[in-house]
Amino acid sequence: MAKNRSRRLRKKLHIEEFQELGFSVKWRFPEGTDVETIDAALDTFIEGAIEPSKLAFDGSGYLQWEGLVCLQEIGLCTDEHRELVKKWLEDHKMQDVEVSELFDIWWD
């Protein structure tokens, strides 16, 4: 049964035109990578892959990293975003790169 929700409620629930799709990402730095190299690589990742595509990244780790990638504004990430992030990480010698399928970041 379809529900007739107001625009305000749809926005609050992050549904319909306010749905947000994103994806998770994992990778690993080579064993023995020092902290300065990790910090520099993450800065370069944000400046080179995330910011130019108007994406946002929330993640954590040391040698093993994982996180969530979504758009900076309400919207839907695409398979092109997934491929861009995966390719960037692989091109910069990250190991065991995994990118999930797109999912609803509020409800999945």
N, C-alpha and C. Protein backbone atom coordinates (compact mmCIF):
# COMPACT_ATOMS: atom_id res chain seq x y z
N MET A 1 0.84 -1.17 0.00
CA MET A 1 0.00 0.00 0.00
C MET A 1 0.90 1.25 0.00
N ALA A 2 0.71 2.10 -0.98
CA ALA A 2 1.52 3.31 -1.11
C ALA A 2 1.11 4.34 -0.05
N LYS A 3 2.11 5.00 0.48
CA LYS A 3 1.86 6.05 1.47
C LYS A 3 2.10 7.39 0.82
N ASN A 4 1.24 8.33 1.11
CA ASN A 4 1.36 9.67 0.58
C ASN A 4 2.05 10.53 1.65
N ARG A 5 3.38 10.67 1.53
CA ARG A 5 4.15 11.41 2.52
C ARG A 5 4.47 12.81 2.01
N SER A 6 4.52 13.75 2.92
CA SER A 6 4.86 15.11 2.54
C SER A 6 6.33 15.21 2.13
N ARG A 7 6.67 16.23 1.38
CA ARG A 7 8.06 16.47 0.96
C ARG A 7 8.97 16.55 2.18
N ARG A 8 8.53 17.25 3.21
CA ARG A 8 9.32 17.40 4.43
C ARG A 8 9.63 16.04 5.07
N LEU A 9 8.63 15.16 5.12
CA LEU A 9 8.83 13.84 5.72
C LEU A 9 9.72 12.97 4.83
N ARG A 10 9.52 13.04 3.50
CA ARG A 10 10.39 12.27 2.60
C ARG A 10 11.84 12.69 2.77
N LYS A 11 12.07 13.99 2.95
CA LYS A 11 13.44 14.49 3.14
C LYS A 11 14.00 13.99 4.47
N LYS A 12 13.19 14.04 5.50
CA LYS A 12 13.62 13.60 6.83
C LYS A 12 13.94 12.10 6.85
N LEU A 13 13.17 11.32 6.08
CA LEU A 13 13.37 9.88 6.01
C LEU A 13 14.40 9.45 4.97
N HIS A 14 14.90 10.41 4.18
CA HIS A 14 15.87 10.12 3.11
C HIS A 14 15.32 9.09 2.13
N ILE A 15 14.09 9.32 1.67
CA ILE A 15 13.47 8.41 0.71
C ILE A 15 13.07 9.16 -0.55
N GLU A 16 12.68 8.37 -1.56
CA GLU A 16 12.26 8.87 -2.86
C GLU A 16 13.28 9.84 -3.44
N GLU A 17 12.92 11.08 -3.73
CA GLU A 17 13.88 12.00 -4.36
C GLU A 17 15.02 12.40 -3.42
N PHE A 18 14.95 12.02 -2.14
CA PHE A 18 16.01 12.34 -1.18
C PHE A 18 16.85 11.13 -0.81
N GLN A 19 16.67 10.04 -1.53
CA GLN A 19 17.47 8.84 -1.28
C GLN A 19 18.93 9.12 -1.60
N GLU A 20 19.82 8.50 -0.86
CA GLU A 20 21.26 8.67 -1.09
C GLU A 20 21.91 7.30 -1.25
N LEU A 21 22.54 7.10 -2.40
CA LEU A 21 23.27 5.86 -2.65
C LEU A 21 24.76 6.12 -2.49
N GLY A 22 25.44 5.17 -1.90
CA GLY A 22 26.88 5.23 -1.73
C GLY A 22 27.46 3.83 -1.82
N PHE A 23 28.71 3.69 -1.44
CA PHE A 23 29.35 2.38 -1.47
C PHE A 23 30.47 2.34 -0.43
N SER A 24 30.79 1.13 -0.03
CA SER A 24 31.90 0.98 0.91
C SER A 24 33.15 0.62 0.12
N VAL A 25 34.28 0.95 0.72
CA VAL A 25 35.57 0.69 0.09
C VAL A 25 36.54 0.19 1.15
N LYS A 26 37.40 -0.75 0.74
CA LYS A 26 38.45 -1.28 1.63
C LYS A 26 39.74 -1.36 0.82
N TRP A 27 40.84 -1.15 1.51
CA TRP A 27 42.15 -1.37 0.89
C TRP A 27 43.18 -1.52 1.98
N ARG A 28 44.38 -1.90 1.55
CA ARG A 28 45.46 -2.13 2.50
C ARG A 28 46.73 -1.49 1.96
N PHE A 29 47.46 -0.84 2.87
CA PHE A 29 48.79 -0.34 2.54
C PHE A 29 49.78 -1.50 2.68
N PRO A 30 50.86 -1.47 1.93
CA PRO A 30 51.88 -2.51 2.07
C PRO A 30 52.42 -2.55 3.50
N GLU A 31 52.74 -3.74 3.97
CA GLU A 31 53.29 -3.92 5.32
C GLU A 31 54.53 -3.06 5.49
N GLY A 32 54.63 -2.39 6.63
CA GLY A 32 55.79 -1.57 6.93
C GLY A 32 55.68 -0.13 6.44
N THR A 33 54.55 0.25 5.86
CA THR A 33 54.38 1.63 5.41
C THR A 33 54.36 2.55 6.63
N ASP A 34 55.15 3.62 6.58
CA ASP A 34 55.23 4.52 7.75
C ASP A 34 54.05 5.49 7.77
N VAL A 35 53.82 6.08 8.93
CA VAL A 35 52.67 6.96 9.17
C VAL A 35 52.67 8.16 8.22
N GLU A 36 53.82 8.76 7.98
CA GLU A 36 53.89 9.93 7.11
C GLU A 36 53.44 9.58 5.69
N THR A 37 53.84 8.41 5.21
CA THR A 37 53.45 7.96 3.87
C THR A 37 51.94 7.72 3.81
N ILE A 38 51.37 7.13 4.86
CA ILE A 38 49.92 6.88 4.91
C ILE A 38 49.18 8.22 4.91
N ASP A 39 49.61 9.16 5.75
CA ASP A 39 48.97 10.47 5.79
C ASP A 39 49.02 11.17 4.44
N ALA A 40 50.17 11.13 3.79
CA ALA A 40 50.32 11.78 2.49
C ALA A 40 49.44 11.10 1.44
N ALA A 41 49.37 9.77 1.48
CA ALA A 41 48.54 9.04 0.52
C ALA A 41 47.06 9.36 0.71
N LEU A 42 46.63 9.47 1.96
CA LEU A 42 45.22 9.80 2.22
C LEU A 42 44.90 11.22 1.77
N ASP A 43 45.80 12.16 2.02
CA ASP A 43 45.60 13.53 1.54
C ASP A 43 45.48 13.54 0.01
N THR A 44 46.35 12.80 -0.65
CA THR A 44 46.33 12.73 -2.10
C THR A 44 45.05 12.06 -2.60
N PHE A 45 44.59 11.03 -1.89
CA PHE A 45 43.34 10.35 -2.23
C PHE A 45 42.15 11.33 -2.17
N ILE A 46 42.09 12.09 -1.08
CA ILE A 46 41.00 13.06 -0.93
C ILE A 46 41.09 14.14 -2.02
N GLU A 47 42.29 14.67 -2.24
CA GLU A 47 42.49 15.74 -3.21
C GLU A 47 42.38 15.27 -4.66
N GLY A 48 42.74 14.02 -4.92
CA GLY A 48 42.79 13.53 -6.29
C GLY A 48 41.57 12.77 -6.76
N ALA A 49 40.88 12.08 -5.85
CA ALA A 49 39.74 11.25 -6.26
C ALA A 49 38.42 11.69 -5.65
N ILE A 50 38.44 12.08 -4.39
CA ILE A 50 37.19 12.36 -3.68
C ILE A 50 36.67 13.77 -3.98
N GLU A 51 37.44 14.79 -3.66
CA GLU A 51 37.00 16.19 -3.82
C GLU A 51 36.63 16.55 -5.27
N PRO A 52 37.47 16.22 -6.27
CA PRO A 52 37.13 16.62 -7.64
C PRO A 52 35.81 16.03 -8.14
N SER A 53 35.40 14.90 -7.60
CA SER A 53 34.17 14.25 -8.02
C SER A 53 32.99 14.62 -7.13
N LYS A 54 33.22 15.57 -6.22
CA LYS A 54 32.19 16.01 -5.27
C LYS A 54 31.68 14.85 -4.40
N LEU A 55 32.63 13.96 -4.05
CA LEU A 55 32.33 12.84 -3.17
C LEU A 55 32.75 13.18 -1.75
N ALA A 56 32.30 12.36 -0.82
CA ALA A 56 32.72 12.46 0.58
C ALA A 56 33.19 11.08 1.01
N PHE A 57 34.20 11.04 1.87
CA PHE A 57 34.74 9.78 2.37
C PHE A 57 34.78 9.83 3.89
N ASP A 58 34.25 8.79 4.51
CA ASP A 58 34.32 8.64 5.96
C ASP A 58 34.89 7.26 6.22
N GLY A 59 36.09 7.21 6.77
CA GLY A 59 36.72 5.92 7.00
C GLY A 59 37.79 6.00 8.05
N SER A 60 38.36 4.85 8.35
CA SER A 60 39.42 4.80 9.35
C SER A 60 40.30 3.59 9.08
N GLY A 61 41.45 3.61 9.73
CA GLY A 61 42.38 2.50 9.62
C GLY A 61 43.79 2.94 9.90
N TYR A 62 44.70 2.01 9.71
CA TYR A 62 46.12 2.30 9.78
C TYR A 62 46.72 1.69 8.52
N LEU A 63 47.09 0.42 8.56
CA LEU A 63 47.51 -0.24 7.32
C LEU A 63 46.29 -0.76 6.56
N GLN A 64 45.27 -1.20 7.29
CA GLN A 64 44.00 -1.65 6.71
C GLN A 64 43.00 -0.50 6.81
N TRP A 65 42.43 -0.08 5.71
CA TRP A 65 41.45 1.01 5.70
C TRP A 65 40.12 0.54 5.17
N GLU A 66 39.05 1.08 5.73
CA GLU A 66 37.73 0.86 5.17
C GLU A 66 36.87 2.06 5.47
N GLY A 67 35.91 2.30 4.60
CA GLY A 67 35.05 3.46 4.82
C GLY A 67 33.90 3.50 3.85
N LEU A 68 33.17 4.59 3.93
CA LEU A 68 31.97 4.82 3.14
C LEU A 68 32.22 6.00 2.21
N VAL A 69 31.81 5.86 0.97
CA VAL A 69 31.89 6.95 0.00
C VAL A 69 30.47 7.29 -0.44
N CYS A 70 30.14 8.59 -0.40
CA CYS A 70 28.85 9.07 -0.87
C CYS A 70 29.07 10.45 -1.48
N LEU A 71 28.01 11.05 -1.98
CA LEU A 71 28.12 12.40 -2.52
C LEU A 71 28.14 13.41 -1.39
N GLN A 72 28.74 14.57 -1.64
CA GLN A 72 28.76 15.64 -0.64
C GLN A 72 27.37 16.23 -0.42
N GLU A 73 26.51 16.15 -1.43
CA GLU A 73 25.14 16.64 -1.33
C GLU A 73 24.20 15.45 -1.50
N ILE A 74 22.93 15.65 -1.23
CA ILE A 74 21.96 14.58 -1.41
C ILE A 74 21.99 14.14 -2.87
N GLY A 75 22.11 12.84 -3.09
CA GLY A 75 22.15 12.34 -4.45
C GLY A 75 22.59 10.90 -4.51
N LEU A 76 22.77 10.43 -5.71
CA LEU A 76 23.07 9.03 -5.95
C LEU A 76 24.45 8.86 -6.55
N CYS A 77 25.31 8.12 -5.87
CA CYS A 77 26.58 7.74 -6.48
C CYS A 77 26.27 6.80 -7.64
N THR A 78 27.19 6.71 -8.57
CA THR A 78 27.01 5.87 -9.75
C THR A 78 28.11 4.82 -9.81
N ASP A 79 27.95 3.90 -10.76
CA ASP A 79 29.01 2.90 -10.98
C ASP A 79 30.29 3.58 -11.45
N GLU A 80 30.17 4.71 -12.11
CA GLU A 80 31.36 5.46 -12.55
C GLU A 80 32.14 5.95 -11.33
N HIS A 81 31.45 6.39 -10.28
CA HIS A 81 32.12 6.79 -9.03
C HIS A 81 32.87 5.60 -8.42
N ARG A 82 32.21 4.46 -8.40
CA ARG A 82 32.84 3.26 -7.84
C ARG A 82 34.12 2.92 -8.59
N GLU A 83 34.03 2.93 -9.92
CA GLU A 83 35.18 2.59 -10.75
C GLU A 83 36.30 3.62 -10.59
N LEU A 84 35.94 4.89 -10.50
CA LEU A 84 36.94 5.94 -10.32
C LEU A 84 37.74 5.72 -9.04
N VAL A 85 37.05 5.47 -7.93
CA VAL A 85 37.72 5.27 -6.64
C VAL A 85 38.58 4.00 -6.69
N LYS A 86 38.02 2.93 -7.22
CA LYS A 86 38.78 1.67 -7.31
C LYS A 86 40.04 1.84 -8.16
N LYS A 87 39.88 2.46 -9.32
CA LYS A 87 41.03 2.66 -10.21
C LYS A 87 42.09 3.54 -9.55
N TRP A 88 41.66 4.62 -8.88
CA TRP A 88 42.62 5.51 -8.24
C TRP A 88 43.43 4.74 -7.19
N LEU A 89 42.76 3.96 -6.37
CA LEU A 89 43.46 3.21 -5.32
C LEU A 89 44.42 2.19 -5.92
N GLU A 90 43.98 1.48 -6.95
CA GLU A 90 44.85 0.49 -7.59
C GLU A 90 46.03 1.16 -8.29
N ASP A 91 45.79 2.29 -8.94
CA ASP A 91 46.86 3.01 -9.63
C ASP A 91 47.91 3.55 -8.66
N HIS A 92 47.51 3.77 -7.40
CA HIS A 92 48.44 4.28 -6.39
C HIS A 92 48.96 3.17 -5.48
N LYS A 93 48.97 1.95 -6.01
CA LYS A 93 49.63 0.79 -5.39
C LYS A 93 49.01 0.33 -4.07
N MET A 94 47.70 0.60 -3.87
CA MET A 94 47.03 0.05 -2.69
C MET A 94 46.74 -1.42 -2.97
N GLN A 95 46.73 -2.21 -1.93
CA GLN A 95 46.56 -3.65 -2.07
C GLN A 95 45.17 -4.08 -1.62
N ASP A 96 44.71 -5.21 -2.14
CA ASP A 96 43.43 -5.81 -1.74
C ASP A 96 42.28 -4.80 -1.80
N VAL A 97 42.20 -4.04 -2.87
CA VAL A 97 41.15 -3.02 -3.02
C VAL A 97 39.82 -3.71 -3.27
N GLU A 98 38.81 -3.36 -2.47
CA GLU A 98 37.45 -3.88 -2.63
C GLU A 98 36.47 -2.71 -2.60
N VAL A 99 35.57 -2.70 -3.57
CA VAL A 99 34.53 -1.68 -3.64
C VAL A 99 33.19 -2.40 -3.70
N SER A 100 32.28 -2.06 -2.81
CA SER A 100 30.99 -2.75 -2.77
C SER A 100 30.07 -2.26 -3.88
N GLU A 101 28.95 -2.94 -4.01
CA GLU A 101 27.88 -2.47 -4.88
C GLU A 101 27.28 -1.22 -4.24
N LEU A 102 26.53 -0.47 -5.01
CA LEU A 102 25.84 0.71 -4.48
C LEU A 102 24.74 0.27 -3.52
N PHE A 103 24.56 1.04 -2.44
CA PHE A 103 23.49 0.75 -1.49
C PHE A 103 22.96 2.05 -0.90
N ASP A 104 21.76 1.98 -0.34
CA ASP A 104 21.14 3.13 0.30
C ASP A 104 21.87 3.36 1.62
N ILE A 105 22.54 4.50 1.75
CA ILE A 105 23.39 4.71 2.94
C ILE A 105 22.59 4.96 4.20
N TRP A 106 21.30 5.20 4.09
CA TRP A 106 20.48 5.43 5.28
C TRP A 106 19.70 4.18 5.68
N TRP A 107 19.40 3.30 4.73
CA TRP A 107 18.50 2.20 5.03
C TRP A 107 19.09 0.82 4.80
N ASP A 108 20.25 0.68 4.20
CA ASP A 108 20.85 -0.65 3.98
C ASP A 108 21.97 -0.91 4.96
